[in-house]
PDB file of N, CA and C in Angstrom:
ATOM      1  N   MET A   1      39.470   4.674  -8.006  1.00  0.00           N
ATOM      2  CA  MET A   1      38.409   3.693  -7.890  1.00  0.00           C
ATOM      3  C   MET A   1      37.078   4.421  -7.763  1.00  0.00           C
ATOM      4  N   LYS A   2      36.128   3.967  -8.514  1.00  0.00           N
ATOM      5  CA  LYS A   2      34.807   4.588  -8.531  1.00  0.00           C
ATOM      6  C   LYS A   2      33.929   3.967  -7.444  1.00  0.00           C
ATOM      7  N   ILE A   3      33.291   4.802  -6.665  1.00  0.00           N
ATOM      8  CA  ILE A   3      32.397   4.313  -5.609  1.00  0.00           C
ATOM      9  C   ILE A   3      31.022   4.062  -6.210  1.00  0.00           C
ATOM     10  N   LYS A   4      30.496   2.870  -5.967  1.00  0.00           N
ATOM     11  CA  LYS A   4      29.173   2.522  -6.486  1.00  0.00           C
ATOM     12  C   LYS A   4      28.097   3.069  -5.563  1.00  0.00           C
ATOM     13  N   VAL A   5      27.141   3.721  -6.158  1.00  0.00           N
ATOM     14  CA  VAL A   5      26.008   4.252  -5.413  1.00  0.00           C
ATOM     15  C   VAL A   5      24.826   3.325  -5.676  1.00  0.00           C
ATOM     16  N   PRO A   6      24.145   2.888  -4.633  1.00  0.00           N
ATOM     17  CA  PRO A   6      23.003   2.002  -4.862  1.00  0.00           C
ATOM     18  C   PRO A   6      21.925   2.710  -5.684  1.00  0.00           C
ATOM     19  N   ASN A   7      21.225   1.929  -6.451  1.00  0.00           N
ATOM     20  CA  ASN A   7      20.170   2.464  -7.306  1.00  0.00           C
ATOM     21  C   ASN A   7      18.955   2.794  -6.438  1.00  0.00           C
ATOM     22  N   ILE A   8      18.792   4.065  -6.109  1.00  0.00           N
ATOM     23  CA  ILE A   8      17.698   4.517  -5.256  1.00  0.00           C
ATOM     24  C   ILE A   8      16.601   5.109  -6.122  1.00  0.00           C
ATOM     25  N   GLU A   9      15.392   4.642  -5.940  1.00  0.00           N
ATOM     26  CA  GLU A   9      14.239   5.175  -6.661  1.00  0.00           C
ATOM     27  C   GLU A   9      13.607   6.275  -5.808  1.00  0.00           C
ATOM     28  N   PHE A  10      13.478   7.449  -6.391  1.00  0.00           N
ATOM     29  CA  PHE A  10      12.830   8.540  -5.673  1.00  0.00           C
ATOM     30  C   PHE A  10      11.327   8.398  -5.821  1.00  0.00           C
ATOM     31  N   GLN A  11      10.648   8.347  -4.700  1.00  0.00           N
ATOM     32  CA  GLN A  11       9.216   8.045  -4.659  1.00  0.00           C
ATOM     33  C   GLN A  11       8.406   9.294  -4.339  1.00  0.00           C
ATOM     34  N   VAL A  12       7.360   9.519  -5.117  1.00  0.00           N
ATOM     35  CA  VAL A  12       6.414  10.599  -4.832  1.00  0.00           C
ATOM     36  C   VAL A  12       5.060   9.964  -4.536  1.00  0.00           C
ATOM     37  N   PHE A  13       4.258  10.665  -3.782  1.00  0.00           N
ATOM     38  CA  PHE A  13       2.947  10.143  -3.368  1.00  0.00           C
ATOM     39  C   PHE A  13       1.870  11.120  -3.820  1.00  0.00           C
ATOM     40  N   ASN A  14       1.719  11.256  -5.131  1.00  0.00           N
ATOM     41  CA  ASN A  14       0.830  12.272  -5.670  1.00  0.00           C
ATOM     42  C   ASN A  14      -0.331  11.722  -6.496  1.00  0.00           C
ATOM     43  N   ASP A  15      -0.638  10.440  -6.373  1.00  0.00           N
ATOM     44  CA  ASP A  15      -1.760   9.876  -7.125  1.00  0.00           C
ATOM     45  C   ASP A  15      -3.094  10.033  -6.411  1.00  0.00           C
ATOM     46  N   GLY A  16      -3.066  10.394  -5.158  1.00  0.00           N
ATOM     47  CA  GLY A  16      -4.303  10.583  -4.398  1.00  0.00           C
ATOM     48  C   GLY A  16      -4.032  10.510  -2.916  1.00  0.00           C
ATOM     49  N   VAL A  17      -5.116  10.535  -2.152  1.00  0.00           N
ATOM     50  CA  VAL A  17      -5.017  10.419  -0.702  1.00  0.00           C
ATOM     51  C   VAL A  17      -5.904   9.284  -0.225  1.00  0.00           C
ATOM     52  N   CYS A  18      -5.507   8.691   0.893  1.00  0.00           N
ATOM     53  CA  CYS A  18      -6.274   7.587   1.462  1.00  0.00           C
ATOM     54  C   CYS A  18      -6.389   7.772   2.967  1.00  0.00           C
ATOM     55  N   ASP A  19      -7.403   7.152   3.520  1.00  0.00           N
ATOM     56  CA  ASP A  19      -7.598   7.104   4.968  1.00  0.00           C
ATOM     57  C   ASP A  19      -7.385   5.662   5.408  1.00  0.00           C
ATOM     58  N   ILE A  20      -6.661   5.473   6.493  1.00  0.00           N
ATOM     59  CA  ILE A  20      -6.417   4.140   7.033  1.00  0.00           C
ATOM     60  C   ILE A  20      -7.007   4.096   8.432  1.00  0.00           C
ATOM     61  N   TYR A  21      -7.869   3.109   8.662  1.00  0.00           N
ATOM     62  CA  TYR A  21      -8.531   3.022   9.954  1.00  0.00           C
ATOM     63  C   TYR A  21      -8.856   1.577  10.300  1.00  0.00           C
ATOM     64  N   TYR A  22      -9.111   1.383  11.575  1.00  0.00           N
ATOM     65  CA  TYR A  22      -9.565   0.094  12.100  1.00  0.00           C
ATOM     66  C   TYR A  22     -11.066   0.218  12.305  1.00  0.00           C
ATOM     67  N   GLU A  23     -11.815  -0.725  11.755  1.00  0.00           N
ATOM     68  CA  GLU A  23     -13.272  -0.665  11.802  1.00  0.00           C
ATOM     69  C   GLU A  23     -13.801  -1.751  12.726  1.00  0.00           C
ATOM     70  N   GLU A  24     -14.612  -1.324  13.702  1.00  0.00           N
ATOM     71  CA  GLU A  24     -15.208  -2.276  14.633  1.00  0.00           C
ATOM     72  C   GLU A  24     -16.639  -1.839  14.920  1.00  0.00           C
ATOM     73  N   ASP A  25     -17.601  -2.672  14.541  1.00  0.00           N
ATOM     74  CA  ASP A  25     -19.022  -2.409  14.781  1.00  0.00           C
ATOM     75  C   ASP A  25     -19.437  -1.023  14.286  1.00  0.00           C
ATOM     76  N   GLU A  26     -19.124  -0.736  13.027  1.00  0.00           N
ATOM     77  CA  GLU A  26     -19.479   0.542  12.390  1.00  0.00           C
ATOM     78  C   GLU A  26     -18.785   1.743  13.023  1.00  0.00           C
ATOM     79  N   HIS A  27     -17.817   1.520  13.893  1.00  0.00           N
ATOM     80  CA  HIS A  27     -17.040   2.606  14.482  1.00  0.00           C
ATOM     81  C   HIS A  27     -15.663   2.622  13.822  1.00  0.00           C
ATOM     82  N   LYS A  28     -15.252   3.784  13.332  1.00  0.00           N
ATOM     83  CA  LYS A  28     -13.957   3.920  12.672  1.00  0.00           C
ATOM     84  C   LYS A  28     -12.949   4.537  13.637  1.00  0.00           C
ATOM     85  N   ASP A  29     -11.864   3.823  13.866  1.00  0.00           N
ATOM     86  CA  ASP A  29     -10.763   4.328  14.678  1.00  0.00           C
ATOM     87  C   ASP A  29      -9.632   4.690  13.713  1.00  0.00           C
ATOM     88  N   PHE A  30      -9.555   5.965  13.311  1.00  0.00           N
ATOM     89  CA  PHE A  30      -8.607   6.406  12.292  1.00  0.00           C
ATOM     90  C   PHE A  30      -7.174   6.335  12.793  1.00  0.00           C
ATOM     91  N   LYS A  31      -6.314   5.753  11.963  1.00  0.00           N
ATOM     92  CA  LYS A  31      -4.882   5.730  12.236  1.00  0.00           C
ATOM     93  C   LYS A  31      -4.183   6.841  11.460  1.00  0.00           C
ATOM     94  N   TYR A  32      -4.576   7.012  10.195  1.00  0.00           N
ATOM     95  CA  TYR A  32      -4.015   8.059   9.347  1.00  0.00           C
ATOM     96  C   TYR A  32      -5.114   8.609   8.448  1.00  0.00           C
ATOM     97  N   LYS A  33      -5.173   9.918   8.337  1.00  0.00           N
ATOM     98  CA  LYS A  33      -6.139  10.581   7.455  1.00  0.00           C
ATOM     99  C   LYS A  33      -5.372  11.356   6.393  1.00  0.00           C
ATOM    100  N   ARG A  34      -5.901  11.309   5.178  1.00  0.00           N
ATOM    101  CA  ARG A  34      -5.362  12.063   4.048  1.00  0.00           C
ATOM    102  C   ARG A  34      -3.867  11.788   3.840  1.00  0.00           C
ATOM    103  N   LEU A  35      -3.541  10.511   3.786  1.00  0.00           N
ATOM    104  CA  LEU A  35      -2.170  10.067   3.553  1.00  0.00           C
ATOM    105  C   LEU A  35      -1.981   9.902   2.043  1.00  0.00           C
ATOM    106  N   GLY A  36      -0.965  10.553   1.487  1.00  0.00           N
ATOM    107  CA  GLY A  36      -0.724  10.460   0.047  1.00  0.00           C
ATOM    108  C   GLY A  36      -0.260   9.069  -0.355  1.00  0.00           C
ATOM    109  N   PHE A  37      -0.583   8.680  -1.592  1.00  0.00           N
ATOM    110  CA  PHE A  37      -0.158   7.375  -2.101  1.00  0.00           C
ATOM    111  C   PHE A  37       0.225   7.466  -3.568  1.00  0.00           C
ATOM    112  N   ASN A  38       0.948   6.451  -4.023  1.00  0.00           N
ATOM    113  CA  ASN A  38       1.333   6.288  -5.413  1.00  0.00           C
ATOM    114  C   ASN A  38       0.763   4.959  -5.872  1.00  0.00           C
ATOM    115  N   GLU A  39      -0.010   4.979  -6.937  1.00  0.00           N
ATOM    116  CA  GLU A  39      -0.609   3.744  -7.446  1.00  0.00           C
ATOM    117  C   GLU A  39       0.404   2.996  -8.292  1.00  0.00           C
ATOM    118  N   ARG A  40       0.502   1.699  -8.086  1.00  0.00           N
ATOM    119  CA  ARG A  40       1.451   0.849  -8.797  1.00  0.00           C
ATOM    120  C   ARG A  40       0.724  -0.009  -9.817  1.00  0.00           C
ATOM    121  N   VAL A  41       1.479  -0.525 -10.772  1.00  0.00           N
ATOM    122  CA  VAL A  41       0.918  -1.394 -11.800  1.00  0.00           C
ATOM    123  C   VAL A  41       0.922  -2.830 -11.287  1.00  0.00           C
ATOM    124  N   LEU A  42      -0.198  -3.509 -11.461  1.00  0.00           N
ATOM    125  CA  LEU A  42      -0.304  -4.913 -11.073  1.00  0.00           C
ATOM    126  C   LEU A  42       0.215  -5.757 -12.236  1.00  0.00           C
ATOM    127  N   GLY A  43       1.383  -6.363 -12.051  1.00  0.00           N
ATOM    128  CA  GLY A  43       2.009  -7.139 -13.114  1.00  0.00           C
ATOM    129  C   GLY A  43       1.413  -8.534 -13.247  1.00  0.00           C
ATOM    130  N   PHE A  44       1.690  -9.161 -14.385  1.00  0.00           N
ATOM    131  CA  PHE A  44       1.171 -10.501 -14.650  1.00  0.00           C
ATOM    132  C   PHE A  44       1.671 -11.510 -13.635  1.00  0.00           C
ATOM    133  N   LYS A  45       2.954 -11.424 -13.277  1.00  0.00           N
ATOM    134  CA  LYS A  45       3.535 -12.395 -12.349  1.00  0.00           C
ATOM    135  C   LYS A  45       2.818 -12.350 -10.998  1.00  0.00           C
ATOM    136  N   ARG A  46       2.629 -11.144 -10.471  1.00  0.00           N
ATOM    137  CA  ARG A  46       1.955 -11.004  -9.175  1.00  0.00           C
ATOM    138  C   ARG A  46       0.481 -11.406  -9.280  1.00  0.00           C
ATOM    139  N   TYR A  47      -0.161 -11.033 -10.386  1.00  0.00           N
ATOM    140  CA  TYR A  47      -1.575 -11.361 -10.569  1.00  0.00           C
ATOM    141  C   TYR A  47      -1.795 -12.874 -10.578  1.00  0.00           C
ATOM    142  N   PHE A  48      -1.001 -13.597 -11.374  1.00  0.00           N
ATOM    143  CA  PHE A  48      -1.193 -15.038 -11.481  1.00  0.00           C
ATOM    144  C   PHE A  48      -0.693 -15.785 -10.243  1.00  0.00           C
ATOM    145  N   ALA A  49       0.309 -15.254  -9.557  1.00  0.00           N
ATOM    146  CA  ALA A  49       0.739 -15.864  -8.295  1.00  0.00           C
ATOM    147  C   ALA A  49      -0.363 -15.741  -7.255  1.00  0.00           C
ATOM    148  N   ALA A  50      -1.021 -14.589  -7.213  1.00  0.00           N
ATOM    149  CA  ALA A  50      -2.139 -14.404  -6.280  1.00  0.00           C
ATOM    150  C   ALA A  50      -3.320 -15.282  -6.667  1.00  0.00           C
ATOM    151  N   ALA A  51      -3.601 -15.371  -7.958  1.00  0.00           N
ATOM    152  CA  ALA A  51      -4.721 -16.192  -8.420  1.00  0.00           C
ATOM    153  C   ALA A  51      -4.496 -17.666  -8.093  1.00  0.00           C
ATOM    154  N   SER A  52      -3.257 -18.132  -8.193  1.00  0.00           N
ATOM    155  CA  SER A  52      -2.990 -19.533  -7.867  1.00  0.00           C
ATOM    156  C   SER A  52      -3.134 -19.804  -6.373  1.00  0.00           C
ATOM    157  N   ALA A  53      -2.954 -18.763  -5.550  1.00  0.00           N
ATOM    158  CA  ALA A  53      -3.141 -18.893  -4.106  1.00  0.00           C
ATOM    159  C   ALA A  53      -4.569 -18.529  -3.691  1.00  0.00           C
ATOM    160  N   LYS A  54      -5.425 -18.280  -4.682  1.00  0.00           N
ATOM    161  CA  LYS A  54      -6.834 -17.930  -4.468  1.00  0.00           C
ATOM    162  C   LYS A  54      -6.991 -16.647  -3.652  1.00  0.00           C
ATOM    163  N   VAL A  55      -6.141 -15.672  -3.976  1.00  0.00           N
ATOM    164  CA  VAL A  55      -6.217 -14.344  -3.374  1.00  0.00           C
ATOM    165  C   VAL A  55      -6.522 -13.367  -4.493  1.00  0.00           C
ATOM    166  N   GLU A  56      -7.528 -12.553  -4.312  1.00  0.00           N
ATOM    167  CA  GLU A  56      -7.900 -11.580  -5.329  1.00  0.00           C
ATOM    168  C   GLU A  56      -7.240 -10.235  -5.024  1.00  0.00           C
ATOM    169  N   ILE A  57      -6.636  -9.627  -6.039  1.00  0.00           N
ATOM    170  CA  ILE A  57      -5.963  -8.339  -5.900  1.00  0.00           C
ATOM    171  C   ILE A  57      -6.638  -7.336  -6.827  1.00  0.00           C
ATOM    172  N   LYS A  58      -6.983  -6.183  -6.292  1.00  0.00           N
ATOM    173  CA  LYS A  58      -7.599  -5.129  -7.097  1.00  0.00           C
ATOM    174  C   LYS A  58      -6.687  -3.934  -7.303  1.00  0.00           C
ATOM    175  N   LYS A  59      -5.789  -3.662  -6.351  1.00  0.00           N
ATOM    176  CA  LYS A  59      -4.979  -2.452  -6.430  1.00  0.00           C
ATOM    177  C   LYS A  59      -3.708  -2.624  -5.612  1.00  0.00           C
ATOM    178  N   ILE A  60      -2.643  -1.976  -6.061  1.00  0.00           N
ATOM    179  CA  ILE A  60      -1.390  -1.928  -5.318  1.00  0.00           C
ATOM    180  C   ILE A  60      -1.004  -0.463  -5.189  1.00  0.00           C
ATOM    181  N   ILE A  61      -0.717  -0.040  -3.948  1.00  0.00           N
ATOM    182  CA  ILE A  61      -0.331   1.342  -3.722  1.00  0.00           C
ATOM    183  C   ILE A  61       0.918   1.390  -2.853  1.00  0.00           C
ATOM    184  N   ARG A  62       1.636   2.502  -2.948  1.00  0.00           N
ATOM    185  CA  ARG A  62       2.755   2.774  -2.051  1.00  0.00           C
ATOM    186  C   ARG A  62       2.414   4.006  -1.232  1.00  0.00           C
ATOM    187  N   ILE A  63       2.678   3.892   0.064  1.00  0.00           N
ATOM    188  CA  ILE A  63       2.465   5.003   0.980  1.00  0.00           C
ATOM    189  C   ILE A  63       3.775   5.283   1.703  1.00  0.00           C
ATOM    190  N   PRO A  64       3.947   6.470   2.283  1.00  0.00           N
ATOM    191  CA  PRO A  64       5.158   6.709   3.075  1.00  0.00           C
ATOM    192  C   PRO A  64       5.254   5.696   4.215  1.00  0.00           C
ATOM    193  N   TYR A  65       6.475   5.393   4.619  1.00  0.00           N
ATOM    194  CA  TYR A  65       6.690   4.426   5.698  1.00  0.00           C
ATOM    195  C   TYR A  65       6.130   4.994   7.002  1.00  0.00           C
ATOM    196  N   VAL A  66       5.107   4.337   7.526  1.00  0.00           N
ATOM    197  CA  VAL A  66       4.482   4.738   8.787  1.00  0.00           C
ATOM    198  C   VAL A  66       4.335   3.507   9.669  1.00  0.00           C
ATOM    199  N   GLU A  67       4.229   3.747  10.939  1.00  0.00           N
ATOM    200  CA  GLU A  67       4.078   2.656  11.908  1.00  0.00           C
ATOM    201  C   GLU A  67       2.606   2.339  12.129  1.00  0.00           C
ATOM    202  N   ASN A  68       2.354   1.181  12.726  1.00  0.00           N
ATOM    203  CA  ASN A  68       1.038   0.817  13.236  1.00  0.00           C
ATOM    204  C   ASN A  68       0.002   0.550  12.156  1.00  0.00           C
ATOM    205  N   ILE A  69       0.404  -0.050  11.046  1.00  0.00           N
ATOM    206  CA  ILE A  69      -0.551  -0.486  10.029  1.00  0.00           C
ATOM    207  C   ILE A  69      -0.567  -2.004  10.053  1.00  0.00           C
ATOM    208  N   ASP A  70      -1.772  -2.575  10.077  1.00  0.00           N
ATOM    209  CA  ASP A  70      -1.928  -4.027  10.144  1.00  0.00           C
ATOM    210  C   ASP A  70      -2.770  -4.516   8.977  1.00  0.00           C
ATOM    211  N   ASP A  71      -2.719  -5.819   8.727  1.00  0.00           N
ATOM    212  CA  ASP A  71      -3.461  -6.362   7.591  1.00  0.00           C
ATOM    213  C   ASP A  71      -4.960  -6.475   7.843  1.00  0.00           C
ATOM    214  N   TYR A  72      -5.432  -6.169   9.037  1.00  0.00           N
ATOM    215  CA  TYR A  72      -6.878  -6.156   9.281  1.00  0.00           C
ATOM    216  C   TYR A  72      -7.452  -4.738   9.249  1.00  0.00           C
ATOM    217  N   ASP A  73      -6.629  -3.746   8.915  1.00  0.00           N
ATOM    218  CA  ASP A  73      -7.110  -2.375   8.783  1.00  0.00           C
ATOM    219  C   ASP A  73      -7.850  -2.198   7.459  1.00  0.00           C
ATOM    220  N   THR A  74      -8.593  -1.127   7.374  1.00  0.00           N
ATOM    221  CA  THR A  74      -9.337  -0.772   6.165  1.00  0.00           C
ATOM    222  C   THR A  74      -8.719   0.480   5.565  1.00  0.00           C
ATOM    223  N   ILE A  75      -8.625   0.494   4.233  1.00  0.00           N
ATOM    224  CA  ILE A  75      -8.151   1.675   3.519  1.00  0.00           C
ATOM    225  C   ILE A  75      -9.298   2.184   2.665  1.00  0.00           C
ATOM    226  N   GLU A  76      -9.529   3.478   2.733  1.00  0.00           N
ATOM    227  CA  GLU A  76     -10.592   4.089   1.944  1.00  0.00           C
ATOM    228  C   GLU A  76      -9.970   5.071   0.954  1.00  0.00           C
ATOM    229  N   ILE A  77     -10.250   4.825  -0.344  1.00  0.00           N
ATOM    230  CA  ILE A  77      -9.776   5.684  -1.424  1.00  0.00           C
ATOM    231  C   ILE A  77     -10.989   6.082  -2.246  1.00  0.00           C
ATOM    232  N   GLU A  78     -11.276   7.370  -2.293  1.00  0.00           N
ATOM    233  CA  GLU A  78     -12.414   7.904  -3.049  1.00  0.00           C
ATOM    234  C   GLU A  78     -13.703   7.152  -2.723  1.00  0.00           C
ATOM    235  N   LYS A  79     -13.991   6.999  -1.455  1.00  0.00           N
ATOM    236  CA  LYS A  79     -15.204   6.357  -0.916  1.00  0.00           C
ATOM    237  C   LYS A  79     -15.314   4.873  -1.230  1.00  0.00           C
ATOM    238  N   GLN A  80     -14.240   4.256  -1.702  1.00  0.00           N
ATOM    239  CA  GLN A  80     -14.186   2.813  -1.919  1.00  0.00           C
ATOM    240  C   GLN A  80     -13.351   2.194  -0.808  1.00  0.00           C
ATOM    241  N   LYS A  81     -13.888   1.182  -0.138  1.00  0.00           N
ATOM    242  CA  LYS A  81     -13.181   0.521   0.955  1.00  0.00           C
ATOM    243  C   LYS A  81     -12.393  -0.670   0.417  1.00  0.00           C
ATOM    244  N   TYR A  82     -11.153  -0.797   0.907  1.00  0.00           N
ATOM    245  CA  TYR A  82     -10.272  -1.895   0.536  1.00  0.00           C
ATOM    246  C   TYR A  82      -9.751  -2.570   1.804  1.00  0.00           C
ATOM    247  N   GLU A  83      -9.507  -3.866   1.702  1.00  0.00           N
ATOM    248  CA  GLU A  83      -8.845  -4.581   2.780  1.00  0.00           C
ATOM    249  C   GLU A  83      -7.409  -4.853   2.355  1.00  0.00           C
ATOM    250  N   ILE A  84      -6.504  -4.857   3.310  1.00  0.00           N
ATOM    251  CA  ILE A  84      -5.087  -5.066   3.027  1.00  0.00           C
ATOM    252  C   ILE A  84      -4.800  -6.558   2.992  1.00  0.00           C
ATOM    253  N   LYS A  85      -4.244  -7.017   1.895  1.00  0.00           N
ATOM    254  CA  LYS A  85      -3.875  -8.417   1.760  1.00  0.00           C
ATOM    255  C   LYS A  85      -2.402  -8.663   2.089  1.00  0.00           C
ATOM    256  N   LEU A  86      -1.549  -7.664   1.800  1.00  0.00           N
ATOM    257  CA  LEU A  86      -0.112  -7.833   2.011  1.00  0.00           C
ATOM    258  C   LEU A  86       0.524  -6.474   2.251  1.00  0.00           C
ATOM    259  N   ILE A  87       1.454  -6.421   3.208  1.00  0.00           N
ATOM    260  CA  ILE A  87       2.207  -5.211   3.513  1.00  0.00           C
ATOM    261  C   ILE A  87       3.686  -5.524   3.293  1.00  0.00           C
ATOM    262  N   GLN A  88       4.362  -4.747   2.427  1.00  0.00           N
ATOM    263  CA  GLN A  88       5.770  -4.957   2.149  1.00  0.00           C
ATOM    264  C   GLN A  88       6.525  -3.649   2.353  1.00  0.00           C
ATOM    265  N   ALA A  89       7.573  -3.681   3.140  1.00  0.00           N
ATOM    266  CA  ALA A  89       8.416  -2.503   3.335  1.00  0.00           C
ATOM    267  C   ALA A  89       9.411  -2.415   2.183  1.00  0.00           C
ATOM    268  N   LYS A  90       9.569  -1.218   1.631  1.00  0.00           N
ATOM    269  CA  LYS A  90      10.512  -0.963   0.542  1.00  0.00           C
ATOM    270  C   LYS A  90      11.606  -0.036   1.058  1.00  0.00           C
ATOM    271  N   TYR A  91      12.827  -0.552   1.130  1.00  0.00           N
ATOM    272  CA  TYR A  91      13.943   0.224   1.653  1.00  0.00           C
ATOM    273  C   TYR A  91      14.824   0.799   0.547  1.00  0.00           C
ATOM    274  N   ASP A  92      14.547   0.434  -0.722  1.00  0.00           N
ATOM    275  CA  ASP A  92      15.362   0.937  -1.823  1.00  0.00           C
ATOM    276  C   ASP A  92      14.744   2.169  -2.472  1.00  0.00           C
ATOM    277  N   THR A  93      13.887   2.864  -1.740  1.00  0.00           N
ATOM    278  CA  THR A  93      13.281   4.091  -2.230  1.00  0.00           C
ATOM    279  C   THR A  93      13.649   5.239  -1.294  1.00  0.00           C
ATOM    280  N   ASN A  94      13.522   6.425  -1.807  1.00  0.00           N
ATOM    281  CA  ASN A  94      13.756   7.608  -0.989  1.00  0.00           C
ATOM    282  C   ASN A  94      12.525   8.489  -1.092  1.00  0.00           C
ATOM    283  N   PRO A  95      11.721   8.637  -0.068  1.00  0.00           N
ATOM    284  CA  PRO A  95      11.850   8.081   1.272  1.00  0.00           C
ATOM    285  C   PRO A  95      11.406   6.617   1.317  1.00  0.00           C
ATOM    286  N   LYS A  96      11.714   5.950   2.449  1.00  0.00           N
ATOM    287  CA  LYS A  96      11.254   4.575   2.622  1.00  0.00           C
ATOM    288  C   LYS A  96       9.738   4.565   2.500  1.00  0.00           C
ATOM    289  N   CYS A  97       9.189   3.452   2.034  1.00  0.00           N
ATOM    290  CA  CYS A  97       7.743   3.384   1.882  1.00  0.00           C
ATOM    291  C   CYS A  97       7.240   1.971   2.131  1.00  0.00           C
ATOM    292  N   LEU A  98       5.936   1.859   2.181  1.00  0.00           N
ATOM    293  CA  LEU A  98       5.253   0.575   2.311  1.00  0.00           C
ATOM    294  C   LEU A  98       4.460   0.327   1.047  1.00  0.00           C
ATOM    295  N   GLU A  99       4.522  -0.894   0.539  1.00  0.00           N
ATOM    296  CA  GLU A  99       3.724  -1.264  -0.617  1.00  0.00           C
ATOM    297  C   GLU A  99       2.577  -2.135  -0.102  1.00  0.00           C
ATOM    298  N   LEU A 100       1.357  -1.716  -0.381  1.00  0.00           N
ATOM    299  CA  LEU A 100       0.167  -2.398   0.116  1.00  0.00           C
ATOM    300  C   LEU A 100      -0.588  -3.042  -1.037  1.00  0.00           C
ATOM    301  N   THR A 101      -0.881  -4.319  -0.904  1.00  0.00           N
ATOM    302  CA  THR A 101      -1.690  -5.036  -1.861  1.00  0.00           C
ATOM    303  C   THR A 101      -3.113  -5.065  -1.332  1.00  0.00           C
ATOM    304  N   LEU A 102      -4.069  -4.590  -2.133  1.00  0.00           N
ATOM    305  CA  LEU A 102      -5.436  -4.365  -1.673  1.00  0.00           C
ATOM    306  C   LEU A 102      -6.463  -5.156  -2.466  1.00  0.00           C
ATOM    307  N   ASN A 103      -7.576  -5.441  -1.805  1.00  0.00           N
ATOM    308  CA  ASN A 103      -8.735  -6.045  -2.444  1.00  0.00           C
ATOM    309  C   ASN A 103      -9.960  -5.279  -1.964  1.00  0.00           C
ATOM    310  N   ILE A 104     -11.004  -5.244  -2.788  1.00  0.00           N
ATOM    311  CA  ILE A 104     -12.228  -4.547  -2.427  1.00  0.00           C
ATOM    312  C   ILE A 104     -12.896  -5.250  -1.258  1.00  0.00           C
ATOM    313  N   LYS A 105     -13.351  -4.459  -0.314  1.00  0.00           N
ATOM    314  CA  LYS A 105     -13.961  -5.004   0.903  1.00  0.00           C
ATOM    315  C   LYS A 105     -15.453  -5.149   0.702  1.00  0.00           C
TER     316      LYS A 105
END
């Protein structure tokens, strides 16, 4: 009998680095600095589902699975600030990761 191995996607985070911080009154409280990410493709289904809910999406990235990230945090990529619209944990990747849906702040 053949043992089935789950389809695991090996994830790399080599598309760039991002800083994640909480911003309050022009003060940045950094949670993570220079965290690698992988940029994902924004598909038609997700784009139109967001548009029907009146949510604008500019970018989707995957980062390594880390604790203490909230949807009110700010992500900075190449001096562009983004707000997090959705955080999704991905357990079918190696290593585990978080998929973040972003909009320009």
